[in-house]
């Protein structure tokens, strides 16, 4: 767990999305462990395919302190 830093300036934001197929696929077993946001998730051991996508957004008007 991270603590609150009152003087911190946010320069970028990272977003993760884990996407799961709508239907299970016969003959497929998802045994992957997904790692994102400093967390390990899985394995799910089911027939759904999954993917994790991420995006880093740099805040245009954010400037580091000089």
PDB file of N, CA and C in Angstrom:
ATOM      1  N   UNK A   1       0.842  -1.175   0.000  1.00  0.00           N
ATOM      2  CA  UNK A   1       0.000   0.000   0.000  1.00  0.00           C
ATOM      3  C   UNK A   1       0.886   1.236   0.000  1.00  0.00           C
ATOM      4  N   UNK A   2       0.500   2.214  -0.746  1.00  0.00           N
ATOM      5  CA  UNK A   2       1.290   3.445  -0.845  1.00  0.00           C
ATOM      6  C   UNK A   2       0.677   4.514   0.042  1.00  0.00           C
ATOM      7  N   UNK A   3       1.530   5.325   0.601  1.00  0.00           N
ATOM      8  CA  UNK A   3       1.034   6.375   1.491  1.00  0.00           C
ATOM      9  C   UNK A   3       0.743   7.656   0.708  1.00  0.00           C
ATOM     10  N   UNK A   4      -0.019   8.525   1.307  1.00  0.00           N
ATOM     11  CA  UNK A   4      -0.389   9.803   0.712  1.00  0.00           C
ATOM     12  C   UNK A   4       0.777  10.775   0.838  1.00  0.00           C
ATOM     13  N   UNK A   5       1.114  11.454  -0.244  1.00  0.00           N
ATOM     14  CA  UNK A   5       2.194  12.450  -0.255  1.00  0.00           C
ATOM     15  C   UNK A   5       1.555  13.777  -0.638  1.00  0.00           C
ATOM     16  N   UNK A   6       1.347  14.681   0.331  1.00  0.00           N
ATOM     17  CA  UNK A   6       0.604  15.918   0.055  1.00  0.00           C
ATOM     18  C   UNK A   6       1.253  16.839  -0.970  1.00  0.00           C
ATOM     19  N   UNK A   7       2.574  16.819  -1.104  1.00  0.00           N
ATOM     20  CA  UNK A   7       3.251  17.721  -2.043  1.00  0.00           C
ATOM     21  C   UNK A   7       3.536  17.065  -3.392  1.00  0.00           C
ATOM     22  N   UNK A   8       3.012  15.874  -3.616  1.00  0.00           N
ATOM     23  CA  UNK A   8       3.269  15.168  -4.873  1.00  0.00           C
ATOM     24  C   UNK A   8       2.592  15.872  -6.042  1.00  0.00           C
ATOM     25  N   UNK A   9       3.240  15.829  -7.193  1.00  0.00           N
ATOM     26  CA  UNK A   9       2.670  16.376  -8.420  1.00  0.00           C
ATOM     27  C   UNK A   9       2.434  15.219  -9.382  1.00  0.00           C
ATOM     28  N   UNK A  10       1.259  15.142  -9.926  1.00  0.00           N
ATOM     29  CA  UNK A  10       0.921  14.066 -10.853  1.00  0.00           C
ATOM     30  C   UNK A  10       1.277  14.515 -12.263  1.00  0.00           C
ATOM     31  N   UNK A  11       2.193  13.759 -12.883  1.00  0.00           N
ATOM     32  CA  UNK A  11       2.640  14.082 -14.233  1.00  0.00           C
ATOM     33  C   UNK A  11       2.039  13.144 -15.272  1.00  0.00           C
ATOM     34  N   UNK A  12       1.632  11.951 -14.823  1.00  0.00           N
ATOM     35  CA  UNK A  12       1.067  10.967 -15.746  1.00  0.00           C
ATOM     36  C   UNK A  12       0.132  10.042 -14.976  1.00  0.00           C
ATOM     37  N   UNK A  13      -0.745   9.401 -15.739  1.00  0.00           N
ATOM     38  CA  UNK A  13      -1.693   8.441 -15.175  1.00  0.00           C
ATOM     39  C   UNK A  13      -1.620   7.183 -16.020  1.00  0.00           C
ATOM     40  N   UNK A  14      -1.586   6.004 -15.373  1.00  0.00           N
ATOM     41  CA  UNK A  14      -1.585   4.739 -16.116  1.00  0.00           C
ATOM     42  C   UNK A  14      -2.880   4.009 -15.810  1.00  0.00           C
ATOM     43  N   UNK A  15      -3.526   3.523 -16.881  1.00  0.00           N
ATOM     44  CA  UNK A  15      -4.798   2.816 -16.774  1.00  0.00           C
ATOM     45  C   UNK A  15      -4.615   1.400 -17.317  1.00  0.00           C
ATOM     46  N   UNK A  16      -5.119   0.406 -16.570  1.00  0.00           N
ATOM     47  CA  UNK A  16      -5.110  -0.982 -17.012  1.00  0.00           C
ATOM     48  C   UNK A  16      -6.544  -1.452 -17.171  1.00  0.00           C
ATOM     49  N   UNK A  17      -6.771  -2.266 -18.210  1.00  0.00           N
ATOM     50  CA  UNK A  17      -8.081  -2.870 -18.422  1.00  0.00           C
ATOM     51  C   UNK A  17      -7.857  -4.352 -18.717  1.00  0.00           C
ATOM     52  N   UNK A  18      -8.526  -5.222 -17.948  1.00  0.00           N
ATOM     53  CA  UNK A  18      -8.490  -6.657 -18.225  1.00  0.00           C
ATOM     54  C   UNK A  18      -9.786  -6.995 -18.949  1.00  0.00           C
ATOM     55  N   UNK A  19      -9.651  -7.538 -20.157  1.00  0.00           N
ATOM     56  CA  UNK A  19     -10.803  -7.830 -21.006  1.00  0.00           C
ATOM     57  C   UNK A  19     -10.985  -9.342 -21.079  1.00  0.00           C
ATOM     58  N   UNK A  20     -12.228  -9.793 -20.909  1.00  0.00           N
ATOM     59  CA  UNK A  20     -12.538 -11.212 -20.953  1.00  0.00           C
ATOM     60  C   UNK A  20     -13.501 -11.491 -22.091  1.00  0.00           C
ATOM     61  N   UNK A  21     -13.312 -12.610 -22.765  1.00  0.00           N
ATOM     62  CA  UNK A  21     -14.231 -13.006 -23.834  1.00  0.00           C
ATOM     63  C   UNK A  21     -15.638 -13.165 -23.278  1.00  0.00           C
ATOM     64  N   UNK A  22     -16.616 -12.966 -24.130  1.00  0.00           N
ATOM     65  CA  UNK A  22     -18.012 -13.066 -23.701  1.00  0.00           C
ATOM     66  C   UNK A  22     -18.421 -14.501 -23.398  1.00  0.00           C
ATOM     67  N   UNK A  23     -17.863 -15.439 -24.155  1.00  0.00           N
ATOM     68  CA  UNK A  23     -18.221 -16.854 -23.995  1.00  0.00           C
ATOM     69  C   UNK A  23     -16.969 -17.694 -23.784  1.00  0.00           C
ATOM     70  N   UNK A  24     -17.149 -18.774 -23.030  1.00  0.00           N
ATOM     71  CA  UNK A  24     -16.048 -19.724 -22.828  1.00  0.00           C
ATOM     72  C   UNK A  24     -15.776 -20.470 -24.134  1.00  0.00           C
ATOM     73  N   UNK A  25     -14.507 -20.854 -24.319  1.00  0.00           N
ATOM     74  CA  UNK A  25     -14.101 -21.573 -25.531  1.00  0.00           C
ATOM     75  C   UNK A  25     -13.802 -23.017 -25.157  1.00  0.00           C
ATOM     76  N   UNK A  26     -14.453 -23.959 -25.853  1.00  0.00           N
ATOM     77  CA  UNK A  26     -14.225 -25.385 -25.583  1.00  0.00           C
ATOM     78  C   UNK A  26     -12.776 -25.747 -25.853  1.00  0.00           C
ATOM     79  N   UNK A  27     -12.175 -26.495 -24.954  1.00  0.00           N
ATOM     80  CA  UNK A  27     -10.802 -26.956 -25.136  1.00  0.00           C
ATOM     81  C   UNK A  27      -9.743 -25.952 -24.715  1.00  0.00           C
ATOM     82  N   UNK A  28     -10.140 -24.804 -24.218  1.00  0.00           N
ATOM     83  CA  UNK A  28      -9.178 -23.781 -23.784  1.00  0.00           C
ATOM     84  C   UNK A  28      -9.277 -23.610 -22.273  1.00  0.00           C
ATOM     85  N   UNK A  29      -8.122 -23.472 -21.623  1.00  0.00           N
ATOM     86  CA  UNK A  29      -8.091 -23.212 -20.184  1.00  0.00           C
ATOM     87  C   UNK A  29      -7.124 -22.062 -19.927  1.00  0.00           C
ATOM     88  N   UNK A  30      -7.614 -21.011 -19.309  1.00  0.00           N
ATOM     89  CA  UNK A  30      -6.785 -19.838 -19.013  1.00  0.00           C
ATOM     90  C   UNK A  30      -6.031 -20.069 -17.707  1.00  0.00           C
ATOM     91  N   UNK A  31      -4.767 -20.460 -17.838  1.00  0.00           N
ATOM     92  CA  UNK A  31      -3.927 -20.723 -16.667  1.00  0.00           C
ATOM     93  C   UNK A  31      -2.904 -19.609 -16.449  1.00  0.00           C
ATOM     94  N   UNK A  32      -3.059 -18.500 -17.160  1.00  0.00           N
ATOM     95  CA  UNK A  32      -2.119 -17.386 -17.041  1.00  0.00           C
ATOM     96  C   UNK A  32      -2.315 -16.627 -15.735  1.00  0.00           C
ATOM     97  N   UNK A  33      -1.216 -16.059 -15.247  1.00  0.00           N
ATOM     98  CA  UNK A  33      -1.265 -15.128 -14.129  1.00  0.00           C
ATOM     99  C   UNK A  33      -1.016 -13.753 -14.727  1.00  0.00           C
ATOM    100  N   UNK A  34      -1.965 -12.847 -14.539  1.00  0.00           N
ATOM    101  CA  UNK A  34      -1.871 -11.509 -15.107  1.00  0.00           C
ATOM    102  C   UNK A  34      -1.283 -10.577 -14.062  1.00  0.00           C
ATOM    103  N   UNK A  35      -0.282  -9.792 -14.469  1.00  0.00           N
ATOM    104  CA  UNK A  35       0.379  -8.874 -13.552  1.00  0.00           C
ATOM    105  C   UNK A  35       0.177  -7.449 -14.058  1.00  0.00           C
ATOM    106  N   UNK A  36      -0.507  -6.652 -13.244  1.00  0.00           N
ATOM    107  CA  UNK A  36      -0.698  -5.246 -13.580  1.00  0.00           C
ATOM    108  C   UNK A  36      -1.054  -4.486 -12.316  1.00  0.00           C
ATOM    109  N   UNK A  37      -0.741  -3.209 -12.296  1.00  0.00           N
ATOM    110  CA  UNK A  37      -1.000  -2.339 -11.141  1.00  0.00           C
ATOM    111  C   UNK A  37      -0.376  -2.914  -9.872  1.00  0.00           C
ATOM    112  N   UNK A  38       0.808  -3.505  -9.998  1.00  0.00           N
ATOM    113  CA  UNK A  38       1.533  -4.100  -8.867  1.00  0.00           C
ATOM    114  C   UNK A  38       0.749  -5.208  -8.174  1.00  0.00           C
ATOM    115  N   UNK A  39      -0.106  -5.907  -8.928  1.00  0.00           N
ATOM    116  CA  UNK A  39      -0.923  -6.987  -8.381  1.00  0.00           C
ATOM    117  C   UNK A  39      -0.856  -8.180  -9.330  1.00  0.00           C
ATOM    118  N   UNK A  40      -0.795  -9.389  -8.781  1.00  0.00           N
ATOM    119  CA  UNK A  40      -0.902 -10.607  -9.575  1.00  0.00           C
ATOM    120  C   UNK A  40      -2.330 -11.118  -9.469  1.00  0.00           C
ATOM    121  N   UNK A  41      -2.944 -11.418 -10.619  1.00  0.00           N
ATOM    122  CA  UNK A  41      -4.330 -11.884 -10.658  1.00  0.00           C
ATOM    123  C   UNK A  41      -4.382 -13.188 -11.437  1.00  0.00           C
ATOM    124  N   UNK A  42      -5.079 -14.179 -10.900  1.00  0.00           N
ATOM    125  CA  UNK A  42      -5.228 -15.464 -11.578  1.00  0.00           C
ATOM    126  C   UNK A  42      -4.371 -16.514 -10.920  1.00  0.00           C
ATOM    127  N   UNK A  43      -4.301 -17.685 -11.463  1.00  0.00           N
ATOM    128  CA  UNK A  43      -4.954 -18.140 -12.693  1.00  0.00           C
ATOM    129  C   UNK A  43      -6.437 -18.401 -12.469  1.00  0.00           C
ATOM    130  N   UNK A  44      -7.208 -18.274 -13.527  1.00  0.00           N
ATOM    131  CA  UNK A  44      -8.645 -18.433 -13.434  1.00  0.00           C
ATOM    132  C   UNK A  44      -9.079 -19.879 -13.707  1.00  0.00           C
ATOM    133  N   UNK A  45      -8.259 -20.609 -14.480  1.00  0.00           N
ATOM    134  CA  UNK A  45      -8.535 -22.019 -14.795  1.00  0.00           C
ATOM    135  C   UNK A  45      -9.944 -22.227 -15.352  1.00  0.00           C
ATOM    136  N   UNK A  46     -10.321 -21.380 -16.292  1.00  0.00           N
ATOM    137  CA  UNK A  46     -11.612 -21.531 -16.956  1.00  0.00           C
ATOM    138  C   UNK A  46     -11.415 -21.416 -18.462  1.00  0.00           C
ATOM    139  N   UNK A  47     -12.469 -21.431 -19.214  1.00  0.00           N
ATOM    140  CA  UNK A  47     -12.381 -21.431 -20.670  1.00  0.00           C
ATOM    141  C   UNK A  47     -12.482 -20.074 -21.325  1.00  0.00           C
ATOM    142  N   UNK A  48     -12.369 -18.994 -20.556  1.00  0.00           N
ATOM    143  CA  UNK A  48     -12.474 -17.644 -21.117  1.00  0.00           C
ATOM    144  C   UNK A  48     -11.096 -17.099 -21.481  1.00  0.00           C
ATOM    145  N   UNK A  49     -10.979 -16.545 -22.675  1.00  0.00           N
ATOM    146  CA  UNK A  49      -9.731 -15.865 -23.062  1.00  0.00           C
ATOM    147  C   UNK A  49      -9.734 -14.470 -22.476  1.00  0.00           C
ATOM    148  N   UNK A  50      -8.556 -14.013 -22.042  1.00  0.00           N
ATOM    149  CA  UNK A  50      -8.411 -12.681 -21.446  1.00  0.00           C
ATOM    150  C   UNK A  50      -7.177 -11.990 -22.019  1.00  0.00           C
ATOM    151  N   UNK A  51      -7.199 -10.672 -21.948  1.00  0.00           N
ATOM    152  CA  UNK A  51      -6.052  -9.868 -22.339  1.00  0.00           C
ATOM    153  C   UNK A  51      -6.025  -8.638 -21.430  1.00  0.00           C
ATOM    154  N   UNK A  52      -4.822  -8.168 -21.126  1.00  0.00           N
ATOM    155  CA  UNK A  52      -4.663  -6.943 -20.340  1.00  0.00           C
ATOM    156  C   UNK A  52      -4.027  -5.892 -21.243  1.00  0.00           C
ATOM    157  N   UNK A  53      -4.651  -4.733 -21.311  1.00  0.00           N
ATOM    158  CA  UNK A  53      -4.096  -3.624 -22.078  1.00  0.00           C
ATOM    159  C   UNK A  53      -3.876  -2.454 -21.123  1.00  0.00           C
ATOM    160  N   UNK A  54      -2.867  -1.656 -21.415  1.00  0.00           N
ATOM    161  CA  UNK A  54      -2.587  -0.500 -20.562  1.00  0.00           C
ATOM    162  C   UNK A  54      -2.318   0.724 -21.418  1.00  0.00           C
ATOM    163  N   UNK A  55      -2.522   1.862 -20.811  1.00  0.00           N
ATOM    164  CA  UNK A  55      -2.292   3.138 -21.493  1.00  0.00           C
ATOM    165  C   UNK A  55      -1.734   4.114 -20.468  1.00  0.00           C
ATOM    166  N   UNK A  56      -0.667   4.790 -20.826  1.00  0.00           N
ATOM    167  CA  UNK A  56      -0.113   5.841 -19.982  1.00  0.00           C
ATOM    168  C   UNK A  56      -0.477   7.179 -20.607  1.00  0.00           C
ATOM    169  N   UNK A  57      -1.086   8.026 -19.803  1.00  0.00           N
ATOM    170  CA  UNK A  57      -1.512   9.341 -20.270  1.00  0.00           C
ATOM    171  C   UNK A  57      -0.675  10.389 -19.557  1.00  0.00           C
ATOM    172  N   UNK A  58       0.101  11.136 -20.332  1.00  0.00           N
ATOM    173  CA  UNK A  58       0.916  12.208 -19.765  1.00  0.00           C
ATOM    174  C   UNK A  58       0.077  13.476 -19.732  1.00  0.00           C
ATOM    175  N   UNK A  59       0.022  14.101 -18.590  1.00  0.00           N
ATOM    176  CA  UNK A  59      -0.799  15.287 -18.426  1.00  0.00           C
ATOM    177  C   UNK A  59      -0.083  16.486 -19.026  1.00  0.00           C
ATOM    178  N   UNK A  60      -0.682  17.077 -19.997  1.00  0.00           N
ATOM    179  CA  UNK A  60      -0.058  18.130 -20.789  1.00  0.00           C
ATOM    180  C   UNK A  60       0.329  19.356 -19.943  1.00  0.00           C
ATOM    181  N   UNK A  61      -0.528  19.779 -19.055  1.00  0.00           N
ATOM    182  CA  UNK A  61      -0.280  20.998 -18.301  1.00  0.00           C
ATOM    183  C   UNK A  61       0.489  20.770 -17.006  1.00  0.00           C
ATOM    184  N   UNK A  62       0.828  19.518 -16.728  1.00  0.00           N
ATOM    185  CA  UNK A  62       1.589  19.228 -15.505  1.00  0.00           C
ATOM    186  C   UNK A  62       3.064  19.537 -15.750  1.00  0.00           C
ATOM    187  N   UNK A  63       3.643  20.252 -14.838  1.00  0.00           N
ATOM    188  CA  UNK A  63       5.066  20.592 -14.945  1.00  0.00           C
ATOM    189  C   UNK A  63       5.739  20.276 -13.612  1.00  0.00           C
ATOM    190  N   UNK A  64       6.884  19.606 -13.666  1.00  0.00           N
ATOM    191  CA  UNK A  64       7.590  19.344 -12.408  1.00  0.00           C
ATOM    192  C   UNK A  64       8.065  20.645 -11.777  1.00  0.00           C
ATOM    193  N   UNK A  65       8.168  20.646 -10.461  1.00  0.00           N
ATOM    194  CA  UNK A  65       8.635  21.830  -9.738  1.00  0.00           C
ATOM    195  C   UNK A  65      10.088  22.130 -10.110  1.00  0.00           C
ATOM    196  N   UNK A  66      10.394  23.388 -10.209  1.00  0.00           N
ATOM    197  CA  UNK A  66      11.785  23.774 -10.557  1.00  0.00           C
ATOM    198  C   UNK A  66      12.507  24.314  -9.364  1.00  0.00           C
TER     199      UNK A  66
END
